[in-house]
Amino acid sequence: MTNYRGTNHRPTHPKIFVWAHTERAEIEYFQEFKNHLKTALLIPKKAVCWDPWELIKKVIAWKEKDKLGKQEICEEDGDQIWCVFDVDAFYENQPEKLLKAIENAHENNIKIAYINECFELWIFMHLEKPTSPIPRKNLEKKNPASF
């Protein structure tokens, strides 16, 4: 801490918590991005669940629990919480439920980032540079070590 005008002043460095609902693709991408930036301020987290509304519910519960616990989040310092998920099939099949979940996220100061269903393909093409066709259903099975 430095002495600033007679008071203790510590500069703040906002953290960005990025939650994804899948076990692999999004989390691996954000972990690589964090490593590329060489920062501890980007914090990928995962909550393996199928539905975006379930992810949002879990993140809200985590945020509420943190208020009572270890104080990992400090929104006054500019910390941000993001939920990243696919929307295509969820919006097509249950638009009201998805929109209500997104509204609930915004009410709890949680930001939303949408990805489309080709995210896994983009990561694979970006990192591995394949030379032969790969069926989309096989992308989730690819070994991240090969990236």
N, C-alpha and C. Protein backbone atom coordinates (compact mmCIF):
# COMPACT_ATOMS: atom_id res chain seq x y z
N MET A 1 0.83 -1.19 0.00
CA MET A 1 0.00 0.00 0.00
C MET A 1 0.87 1.24 0.00
N THR A 2 0.38 2.25 -0.66
CA THR A 2 1.11 3.51 -0.68
C THR A 2 0.31 4.56 0.08
N ASN A 3 1.03 5.55 0.57
CA ASN A 3 0.37 6.62 1.29
C ASN A 3 -0.06 7.68 0.28
N TYR A 4 -1.34 7.91 0.20
CA TYR A 4 -1.90 8.85 -0.77
C TYR A 4 -2.73 9.88 -0.03
N ARG A 5 -2.22 11.09 0.04
CA ARG A 5 -2.92 12.18 0.74
C ARG A 5 -3.30 11.80 2.16
N GLY A 6 -2.39 11.16 2.83
CA GLY A 6 -2.62 10.86 4.23
C GLY A 6 -3.45 9.61 4.50
N THR A 7 -3.90 8.92 3.47
CA THR A 7 -4.68 7.70 3.68
C THR A 7 -4.02 6.55 2.94
N ASN A 8 -4.30 5.37 3.39
CA ASN A 8 -3.80 4.20 2.67
C ASN A 8 -4.60 4.04 1.39
N HIS A 9 -3.90 3.90 0.30
CA HIS A 9 -4.55 3.75 -1.00
C HIS A 9 -3.89 2.61 -1.75
N ARG A 10 -4.71 1.69 -2.22
CA ARG A 10 -4.20 0.58 -2.99
C ARG A 10 -4.90 0.57 -4.34
N PRO A 11 -4.14 0.62 -5.43
CA PRO A 11 -4.81 0.60 -6.74
C PRO A 11 -5.54 -0.72 -6.94
N THR A 12 -6.69 -0.65 -7.58
CA THR A 12 -7.47 -1.85 -7.82
C THR A 12 -7.25 -2.35 -9.23
N HIS A 13 -7.32 -3.63 -9.38
CA HIS A 13 -7.20 -4.29 -10.67
C HIS A 13 -8.42 -5.18 -10.82
N PRO A 14 -9.40 -4.75 -11.58
CA PRO A 14 -10.64 -5.53 -11.71
C PRO A 14 -10.39 -6.93 -12.26
N LYS A 15 -11.15 -7.88 -11.72
CA LYS A 15 -11.08 -9.26 -12.18
C LYS A 15 -12.29 -9.54 -13.07
N ILE A 16 -12.11 -10.47 -13.99
CA ILE A 16 -13.21 -10.89 -14.85
C ILE A 16 -13.41 -12.39 -14.64
N PHE A 17 -14.56 -12.76 -14.12
CA PHE A 17 -14.91 -14.15 -13.91
C PHE A 17 -15.74 -14.59 -15.11
N VAL A 18 -15.28 -15.61 -15.81
CA VAL A 18 -15.98 -16.10 -16.99
C VAL A 18 -16.48 -17.51 -16.71
N TRP A 19 -17.79 -17.66 -16.67
CA TRP A 19 -18.42 -18.95 -16.41
C TRP A 19 -18.92 -19.54 -17.72
N ALA A 20 -18.67 -20.80 -17.94
CA ALA A 20 -19.18 -21.51 -19.11
C ALA A 20 -19.90 -22.77 -18.65
N HIS A 21 -20.82 -23.23 -19.49
CA HIS A 21 -21.65 -24.36 -19.08
C HIS A 21 -21.18 -25.69 -19.64
N THR A 22 -20.12 -25.69 -20.42
CA THR A 22 -19.62 -26.95 -20.95
C THR A 22 -18.34 -27.35 -20.22
N GLU A 23 -17.97 -28.57 -20.41
CA GLU A 23 -16.81 -29.08 -19.69
C GLU A 23 -15.50 -28.70 -20.37
N ARG A 24 -15.54 -28.41 -21.68
CA ARG A 24 -14.28 -28.26 -22.37
C ARG A 24 -14.12 -26.97 -23.17
N ALA A 25 -14.80 -26.83 -24.27
CA ALA A 25 -14.45 -25.85 -25.30
C ALA A 25 -14.27 -24.42 -24.79
N GLU A 26 -15.29 -23.85 -24.19
CA GLU A 26 -15.21 -22.46 -23.76
C GLU A 26 -14.17 -22.26 -22.67
N ILE A 27 -14.15 -23.15 -21.69
CA ILE A 27 -13.20 -23.02 -20.59
C ILE A 27 -11.76 -23.12 -21.11
N GLU A 28 -11.51 -24.07 -21.99
CA GLU A 28 -10.16 -24.20 -22.55
C GLU A 28 -9.76 -22.95 -23.31
N TYR A 29 -10.70 -22.40 -24.06
CA TYR A 29 -10.40 -21.19 -24.82
C TYR A 29 -10.04 -20.04 -23.88
N PHE A 30 -10.85 -19.81 -22.85
CA PHE A 30 -10.57 -18.70 -21.94
C PHE A 30 -9.32 -18.95 -21.10
N GLN A 31 -9.02 -20.20 -20.79
CA GLN A 31 -7.78 -20.50 -20.07
C GLN A 31 -6.57 -20.18 -20.96
N GLU A 32 -6.63 -20.54 -22.23
CA GLU A 32 -5.55 -20.21 -23.16
C GLU A 32 -5.42 -18.69 -23.32
N PHE A 33 -6.56 -18.00 -23.38
CA PHE A 33 -6.56 -16.55 -23.50
C PHE A 33 -5.91 -15.93 -22.26
N LYS A 34 -6.23 -16.45 -21.09
CA LYS A 34 -5.64 -15.98 -19.83
C LYS A 34 -4.13 -16.20 -19.86
N ASN A 35 -3.70 -17.37 -20.31
CA ASN A 35 -2.27 -17.66 -20.39
C ASN A 35 -1.58 -16.73 -21.39
N HIS A 36 -2.25 -16.47 -22.50
CA HIS A 36 -1.70 -15.58 -23.52
C HIS A 36 -1.51 -14.17 -22.95
N LEU A 37 -2.48 -13.71 -22.19
CA LEU A 37 -2.40 -12.37 -21.59
C LEU A 37 -1.45 -12.33 -20.40
N LYS A 38 -1.10 -13.49 -19.87
CA LYS A 38 -0.24 -13.59 -18.68
C LYS A 38 -0.83 -12.78 -17.52
N THR A 39 -2.08 -13.07 -17.23
CA THR A 39 -2.78 -12.33 -16.18
C THR A 39 -3.51 -13.28 -15.25
N ALA A 40 -3.60 -12.90 -14.02
CA ALA A 40 -4.40 -13.64 -13.05
C ALA A 40 -5.77 -13.01 -12.90
N LEU A 41 -6.03 -11.97 -13.66
CA LEU A 41 -7.27 -11.21 -13.51
C LEU A 41 -8.42 -11.77 -14.33
N LEU A 42 -8.14 -12.67 -15.25
CA LEU A 42 -9.18 -13.38 -16.00
C LEU A 42 -9.31 -14.75 -15.36
N ILE A 43 -10.49 -15.06 -14.85
CA ILE A 43 -10.66 -16.27 -14.06
C ILE A 43 -11.74 -17.14 -14.68
N PRO A 44 -11.34 -18.12 -15.53
CA PRO A 44 -12.34 -19.03 -16.10
C PRO A 44 -12.88 -19.98 -15.04
N LYS A 45 -14.18 -20.18 -15.06
CA LYS A 45 -14.83 -21.11 -14.13
C LYS A 45 -15.83 -21.91 -14.92
N LYS A 46 -16.12 -23.11 -14.46
CA LYS A 46 -17.12 -23.90 -15.17
C LYS A 46 -18.14 -24.47 -14.21
N ALA A 47 -19.33 -24.58 -14.75
CA ALA A 47 -20.42 -25.24 -14.06
C ALA A 47 -21.05 -26.15 -15.10
N VAL A 48 -20.70 -27.41 -15.08
CA VAL A 48 -21.16 -28.31 -16.13
C VAL A 48 -22.65 -28.54 -15.96
N CYS A 49 -23.39 -27.99 -16.89
CA CYS A 49 -24.84 -28.14 -16.92
C CYS A 49 -25.28 -27.91 -18.36
N TRP A 50 -26.40 -28.44 -18.70
CA TRP A 50 -26.81 -28.39 -20.09
C TRP A 50 -27.47 -27.07 -20.47
N ASP A 51 -28.31 -26.53 -19.62
CA ASP A 51 -29.13 -25.36 -19.97
C ASP A 51 -28.49 -24.05 -19.53
N PRO A 52 -28.61 -23.00 -20.34
CA PRO A 52 -28.11 -21.68 -19.92
C PRO A 52 -28.78 -21.18 -18.65
N TRP A 53 -30.09 -21.45 -18.49
CA TRP A 53 -30.78 -20.96 -17.29
C TRP A 53 -30.26 -21.66 -16.05
N GLU A 54 -29.83 -22.90 -16.18
CA GLU A 54 -29.22 -23.61 -15.05
C GLU A 54 -27.86 -22.99 -14.70
N LEU A 55 -27.08 -22.65 -15.73
CA LEU A 55 -25.79 -21.99 -15.51
C LEU A 55 -25.99 -20.66 -14.79
N ILE A 56 -26.92 -19.86 -15.26
CA ILE A 56 -27.17 -18.55 -14.65
C ILE A 56 -27.60 -18.73 -13.19
N LYS A 57 -28.45 -19.70 -12.94
CA LYS A 57 -28.90 -19.97 -11.56
C LYS A 57 -27.71 -20.34 -10.67
N LYS A 58 -26.79 -21.17 -11.18
CA LYS A 58 -25.62 -21.57 -10.40
C LYS A 58 -24.68 -20.39 -10.14
N VAL A 59 -24.53 -19.53 -11.13
CA VAL A 59 -23.64 -18.38 -10.97
C VAL A 59 -24.22 -17.39 -9.97
N ILE A 60 -25.52 -17.18 -10.01
CA ILE A 60 -26.17 -16.30 -9.03
C ILE A 60 -25.97 -16.87 -7.62
N ALA A 61 -26.14 -18.18 -7.47
CA ALA A 61 -25.93 -18.82 -6.16
C ALA A 61 -24.48 -18.67 -5.71
N TRP A 62 -23.52 -18.83 -6.63
CA TRP A 62 -22.10 -18.65 -6.31
C TRP A 62 -21.83 -17.22 -5.86
N LYS A 63 -22.43 -16.28 -6.55
CA LYS A 63 -22.23 -14.87 -6.22
C LYS A 63 -22.80 -14.56 -4.83
N GLU A 64 -23.98 -15.07 -4.53
CA GLU A 64 -24.59 -14.85 -3.22
C GLU A 64 -23.76 -15.51 -2.11
N LYS A 65 -23.27 -16.72 -2.39
CA LYS A 65 -22.45 -17.43 -1.40
C LYS A 65 -21.14 -16.67 -1.17
N ASP A 66 -20.58 -16.07 -2.23
CA ASP A 66 -19.33 -15.33 -2.09
C ASP A 66 -19.50 -14.12 -1.20
N LYS A 67 -20.68 -13.50 -1.23
CA LYS A 67 -20.93 -12.34 -0.37
C LYS A 67 -20.79 -12.72 1.10
N LEU A 68 -21.10 -13.95 1.40
CA LEU A 68 -21.03 -14.43 2.78
C LEU A 68 -19.69 -15.08 3.11
N GLY A 69 -18.92 -15.39 2.07
CA GLY A 69 -17.70 -16.18 2.27
C GLY A 69 -16.42 -15.41 2.08
N LYS A 70 -15.65 -15.83 1.09
CA LYS A 70 -14.27 -15.37 0.95
C LYS A 70 -14.10 -14.04 0.22
N GLN A 71 -15.16 -13.43 -0.22
CA GLN A 71 -15.07 -12.11 -0.87
C GLN A 71 -14.15 -12.11 -2.09
N GLU A 72 -14.34 -13.08 -2.96
CA GLU A 72 -13.57 -13.17 -4.19
C GLU A 72 -14.00 -12.06 -5.16
N ILE A 73 -15.26 -11.69 -5.09
CA ILE A 73 -15.83 -10.69 -6.00
C ILE A 73 -15.94 -9.35 -5.29
N CYS A 74 -15.54 -8.29 -5.96
CA CYS A 74 -15.73 -6.94 -5.42
C CYS A 74 -16.18 -6.05 -6.58
N GLU A 75 -17.48 -5.97 -6.76
CA GLU A 75 -18.02 -5.19 -7.89
C GLU A 75 -17.70 -3.70 -7.76
N GLU A 76 -17.49 -3.22 -6.54
CA GLU A 76 -17.12 -1.82 -6.36
C GLU A 76 -15.76 -1.52 -6.98
N ASP A 77 -14.90 -2.54 -7.08
CA ASP A 77 -13.58 -2.37 -7.71
C ASP A 77 -13.62 -2.63 -9.21
N GLY A 78 -14.80 -2.89 -9.75
CA GLY A 78 -14.92 -3.11 -11.19
C GLY A 78 -14.90 -4.57 -11.61
N ASP A 79 -14.94 -5.49 -10.66
CA ASP A 79 -14.98 -6.90 -11.03
C ASP A 79 -16.23 -7.19 -11.86
N GLN A 80 -16.10 -8.12 -12.80
CA GLN A 80 -17.21 -8.48 -13.68
C GLN A 80 -17.42 -9.99 -13.65
N ILE A 81 -18.67 -10.37 -13.84
CA ILE A 81 -19.03 -11.78 -13.94
C ILE A 81 -19.73 -11.96 -15.28
N TRP A 82 -19.25 -12.94 -16.05
CA TRP A 82 -19.81 -13.23 -17.37
C TRP A 82 -20.26 -14.68 -17.42
N CYS A 83 -21.37 -14.93 -18.10
CA CYS A 83 -21.81 -16.28 -18.44
C CYS A 83 -21.71 -16.41 -19.95
N VAL A 84 -21.08 -17.48 -20.40
CA VAL A 84 -20.88 -17.74 -21.82
C VAL A 84 -21.58 -19.04 -22.17
N PHE A 85 -22.47 -18.97 -23.16
CA PHE A 85 -23.19 -20.19 -23.55
C PHE A 85 -23.74 -20.10 -24.96
N ASP A 86 -24.06 -21.29 -25.53
CA ASP A 86 -24.74 -21.38 -26.82
C ASP A 86 -26.18 -20.94 -26.63
N VAL A 87 -26.76 -20.33 -27.66
CA VAL A 87 -28.16 -19.94 -27.55
C VAL A 87 -29.04 -20.52 -28.64
N ASP A 88 -28.48 -20.97 -29.72
CA ASP A 88 -29.27 -21.36 -30.88
C ASP A 88 -30.42 -22.30 -30.55
N ALA A 89 -30.14 -23.50 -30.14
CA ALA A 89 -31.20 -24.48 -29.87
C ALA A 89 -32.05 -24.08 -28.67
N PHE A 90 -31.45 -23.47 -27.67
CA PHE A 90 -32.22 -23.08 -26.48
C PHE A 90 -33.23 -22.00 -26.81
N TYR A 91 -32.83 -21.04 -27.63
CA TYR A 91 -33.77 -19.98 -28.01
C TYR A 91 -34.86 -20.54 -28.92
N GLU A 92 -34.48 -21.42 -29.79
CA GLU A 92 -35.44 -22.02 -30.72
C GLU A 92 -36.48 -22.85 -29.98
N ASN A 93 -36.04 -23.62 -28.98
CA ASN A 93 -36.94 -24.55 -28.27
C ASN A 93 -37.69 -23.92 -27.10
N GLN A 94 -37.05 -23.04 -26.34
CA GLN A 94 -37.68 -22.45 -25.15
C GLN A 94 -37.31 -20.97 -25.02
N PRO A 95 -37.76 -20.13 -25.95
CA PRO A 95 -37.32 -18.72 -25.93
C PRO A 95 -37.72 -17.96 -24.67
N GLU A 96 -38.93 -18.22 -24.15
CA GLU A 96 -39.38 -17.49 -22.95
C GLU A 96 -38.50 -17.82 -21.75
N LYS A 97 -38.16 -19.08 -21.61
CA LYS A 97 -37.33 -19.51 -20.47
C LYS A 97 -35.92 -18.91 -20.58
N LEU A 98 -35.36 -18.89 -21.78
CA LEU A 98 -34.03 -18.31 -21.98
C LEU A 98 -34.04 -16.81 -21.71
N LEU A 99 -35.04 -16.12 -22.23
CA LEU A 99 -35.11 -14.67 -22.03
C LEU A 99 -35.31 -14.32 -20.56
N LYS A 100 -36.09 -15.11 -19.83
CA LYS A 100 -36.29 -14.88 -18.39
C LYS A 100 -34.97 -15.09 -17.64
N ALA A 101 -34.22 -16.11 -18.02
CA ALA A 101 -32.93 -16.37 -17.36
C ALA A 101 -31.95 -15.23 -17.62
N ILE A 102 -31.93 -14.72 -18.85
CA ILE A 102 -31.04 -13.60 -19.19
C ILE A 102 -31.45 -12.36 -18.40
N GLU A 103 -32.74 -12.13 -18.29
CA GLU A 103 -33.23 -10.99 -17.49
C GLU A 103 -32.80 -11.15 -16.04
N ASN A 104 -32.88 -12.36 -15.51
CA ASN A 104 -32.46 -12.65 -14.14
C ASN A 104 -30.96 -12.38 -13.97
N ALA A 105 -30.17 -12.74 -14.98
CA ALA A 105 -28.73 -12.48 -14.93
C ALA A 105 -28.46 -10.98 -14.87
N HIS A 106 -29.13 -10.22 -15.73
CA HIS A 106 -28.92 -8.77 -15.74
C HIS A 106 -29.34 -8.13 -14.43
N GLU A 107 -30.42 -8.61 -13.82
CA GLU A 107 -30.86 -8.09 -12.53
C GLU A 107 -29.81 -8.34 -11.44
N ASN A 108 -28.99 -9.37 -11.63
CA ASN A 108 -27.95 -9.72 -10.66
C ASN A 108 -26.57 -9.25 -11.10
N ASN A 109 -26.53 -8.31 -12.04
CA ASN A 109 -25.30 -7.71 -12.54
C ASN A 109 -24.33 -8.76 -13.12
N ILE A 110 -24.90 -9.71 -13.85
CA ILE A 110 -24.12 -10.72 -14.54
C ILE A 110 -24.26 -10.47 -16.03
N LYS A 111 -23.13 -10.39 -16.71
CA LYS A 111 -23.13 -10.11 -18.13
C LYS A 111 -23.22 -11.42 -18.91
N ILE A 112 -23.76 -11.34 -20.12
CA ILE A 112 -23.97 -12.53 -20.94
C ILE A 112 -23.17 -12.39 -22.23
N ALA A 113 -22.50 -13.47 -22.61
CA ALA A 113 -21.83 -13.55 -23.91
C ALA A 113 -22.39 -14.77 -24.62
N TYR A 114 -22.91 -14.56 -25.82
CA TYR A 114 -23.49 -15.64 -26.59
C TYR A 114 -22.45 -16.19 -27.56
N ILE A 115 -22.46 -17.48 -27.72
CA ILE A 115 -21.63 -18.09 -28.76
C ILE A 115 -22.56 -18.90 -29.65
N ASN A 116 -22.14 -19.08 -30.88
CA ASN A 116 -22.98 -19.91 -31.74
C ASN A 116 -22.48 -21.34 -31.74
N GLU A 117 -23.21 -22.19 -32.41
CA GLU A 117 -22.89 -23.61 -32.35
C GLU A 117 -21.60 -23.98 -33.08
N CYS A 118 -20.96 -23.05 -33.74
CA CYS A 118 -19.71 -23.34 -34.44
C CYS A 118 -18.48 -22.96 -33.62
N PHE A 119 -18.65 -22.64 -32.35
CA PHE A 119 -17.53 -22.22 -31.51
C PHE A 119 -16.46 -23.31 -31.43
N GLU A 120 -16.89 -24.55 -31.20
CA GLU A 120 -15.93 -25.65 -31.11
C GLU A 120 -15.16 -25.80 -32.42
N LEU A 121 -15.86 -25.64 -33.54
CA LEU A 121 -15.20 -25.73 -34.84
C LEU A 121 -14.18 -24.61 -35.00
N TRP A 122 -14.54 -23.41 -34.58
CA TRP A 122 -13.62 -22.28 -34.68
C TRP A 122 -12.35 -22.53 -33.86
N ILE A 123 -12.51 -23.01 -32.64
CA ILE A 123 -11.35 -23.29 -31.79
C ILE A 123 -10.48 -24.35 -32.46
N PHE A 124 -11.10 -25.41 -32.91
CA PHE A 124 -10.35 -26.48 -33.53
C PHE A 124 -9.60 -25.98 -34.76
N MET A 125 -10.27 -25.25 -35.62
CA MET A 125 -9.63 -24.73 -36.84
C MET A 125 -8.51 -23.75 -36.49
N HIS A 126 -8.73 -22.96 -35.47
CA HIS A 126 -7.75 -21.95 -35.06
C HIS A 126 -6.48 -22.58 -34.49
N LEU A 127 -6.66 -23.62 -33.69
CA LEU A 127 -5.53 -24.18 -32.98
C LEU A 127 -4.86 -25.37 -33.66
N GLU A 128 -5.64 -26.16 -34.39
CA GLU A 128 -5.05 -27.36 -34.95
C GLU A 128 -4.77 -27.27 -36.45
N LYS A 129 -5.51 -26.45 -37.17
CA LYS A 129 -5.35 -26.30 -38.62
C LYS A 129 -5.46 -27.65 -39.34
N PRO A 130 -6.64 -28.27 -39.28
CA PRO A 130 -6.81 -29.60 -39.89
C PRO A 130 -6.73 -29.54 -41.42
N THR A 131 -6.41 -30.67 -42.00
CA THR A 131 -6.31 -30.76 -43.47
C THR A 131 -7.34 -31.71 -44.06
N SER A 132 -8.19 -32.30 -43.21
CA SER A 132 -9.23 -33.19 -43.71
C SER A 132 -10.56 -32.86 -43.03
N PRO A 133 -11.68 -33.24 -43.64
CA PRO A 133 -12.99 -32.94 -43.04
C PRO A 133 -13.17 -33.64 -41.70
N ILE A 134 -13.87 -32.97 -40.80
CA ILE A 134 -14.16 -33.54 -39.48
C ILE A 134 -15.64 -33.32 -39.21
N PRO A 135 -16.39 -34.38 -38.96
CA PRO A 135 -17.81 -34.22 -38.63
C PRO A 135 -17.96 -33.42 -37.33
N ARG A 136 -18.92 -32.51 -37.31
CA ARG A 136 -19.13 -31.65 -36.15
C ARG A 136 -19.32 -32.43 -34.87
N LYS A 137 -20.01 -33.57 -34.94
CA LYS A 137 -20.27 -34.37 -33.73
C LYS A 137 -18.98 -34.88 -33.09
N ASN A 138 -17.89 -34.92 -33.85
CA ASN A 138 -16.62 -35.40 -33.32
C ASN A 138 -15.78 -34.31 -32.67
N LEU A 139 -16.17 -33.07 -32.80
CA LEU A 139 -15.34 -31.97 -32.29
C LEU A 139 -15.21 -32.00 -30.77
N GLU A 140 -16.29 -32.27 -30.07
CA GLU A 140 -16.23 -32.31 -28.61
C GLU A 140 -15.33 -33.43 -28.10
N LYS A 141 -15.09 -34.45 -28.94
CA LYS A 141 -14.28 -35.59 -28.53
C LYS A 141 -12.80 -35.36 -28.77
N LYS A 142 -12.43 -34.30 -29.46
CA LYS A 142 -11.02 -34.05 -29.77
C LYS A 142 -10.24 -33.84 -28.48
N ASN A 143 -9.03 -34.31 -28.45
CA ASN A 143 -8.17 -34.20 -27.30
C ASN A 143 -7.58 -32.79 -27.24
N PRO A 144 -7.81 -32.05 -26.14
CA PRO A 144 -7.25 -30.70 -26.06
C PRO A 144 -5.73 -30.67 -26.10
N ALA A 145 -5.09 -31.76 -25.74
CA ALA A 145 -3.64 -31.79 -25.79
C ALA A 145 -3.15 -31.69 -27.23
N SER A 146 -4.01 -32.10 -28.18
CA SER A 146 -3.60 -32.01 -29.57
C SER A 146 -3.70 -30.58 -30.09
N PHE A 147 -4.34 -29.70 -29.34
CA PHE A 147 -4.43 -28.30 -29.75
C PHE A 147 -3.08 -27.67 -29.50
